[in-house]
């Protein structure tokens, strides 16, 4: 697939590296030659220097022949204009990153479609939704719904108190109907797609696919107790912090801390039921005075990964049970997890999940890059006469690094085992390591 990316900043360079690694033909546009040189040294891409909102530059990037145009410039207006022009010049699909929630309202989205923009994505909004979801499932480190919640992915680290430690994984026999199943394990920095005889170990991060009625039972297996969040502290008046506070302030007592006095005053006017505090979150004494140790949960979403990690470690040390940190530097994710920060949000991975499905040949309804893991989880719709519909799962010849987690057929939900048969138009949740993703698509085409 020929893909043109407008914007060589953090988001654009991450997408360029990820997509070029999957065999796509990538061209990246930016007016900053230094950024283009950095991306060019890290990924096999063609670089075009110039303004992506001009016809001349878009023509030099050959957008008329591209299958997918992705606008991720720093400025929202540039993205909208570039995506619109690219579509008019011949791009098959055109998508744009935005920073304005108003654009996503149903009536307004229609206007953008009329302008030629196929899809708008707002990473901060999706990240805020992820944080809110995690605050409602505090014993998990990630929680994702598929098929409108009929199937859920529950991710948690095995504590010493977990009854699973030392146990052999189940779910490989065909005879017993299951309500949940472990589909991936992260251990010592590597991701394992489990097979029969695999045992759980203390400290494993496990990925469990569960029916809706079994989620609470799965949460109990983590060895961690669920916490009802009544008192929440948010560090950082970023878009994510503001979105979380505005959605939760009617239900939870929230303190939002930001070091910028001018921004703190603006936030106080915007968030009428949130206590806004002008303070530096790295100041341990100040955080103690603001009652950090009395919080049920702490969310660090400043613009700096280092600040978020340090503040989250302080909160953990002070006994806060649920700690969530935004870590945008991908190199820091494993480090942060090894230091005890179990729940991490990353906008690059969220954006990659939103965009990657546009590059796949099969009918992918959702795809999720799992933080701190190499695994990807996808929701396919099985096409009539596709290879997946012609035999039982154990006879399909799936790659070794692939496991089918669950199937939704109308109102019927089934956790997959070897004898399960997939029918046309079933929604199928599949886990795969990156080297097997393209081959998985062929089974559902």
Foldseek 3Di string as FASTA:
>chain_A
DEEEEEALPLLRLLLQAVVQVVVYAYEYEEQDVVSVVVSVVRGVYHYFHDQLLDPVRLVVSVLLPAQEYEYDHPDQVSQLSNQLVSQVSHHNAGEYEHQDPVCVPVVNVVVSVVSPHPYYDHLLLVLLVQVLVCLQLVQFQGKDADPVNQKIKGKHAAAPQAPQAFPWFDFADDPDFDQKHWQWKADPLAIDRDDGPDGDHHGIITIMMGGNVCVVVVSVRRSDDRDNFAEEEEEAPDSSSLSNCQVCLVRHAYEYEYQDPVVLVVSCVVRVSYHYYNDQLLPLVVCVVVPLLVGQEYEYDHPAQVSQLNSQLSSVVSPRSGYEYEHAPLVCQVVSVVSPNSHYGYSSQVVCFVPVCSVAPFAWPTKGDDGSYQKIKTKGQAAPPALQQPAFQLPSPADPFKDWAWKDDPPDIGGHYRRDHDHGRIITIMMGGPVRVNVVRSRRD
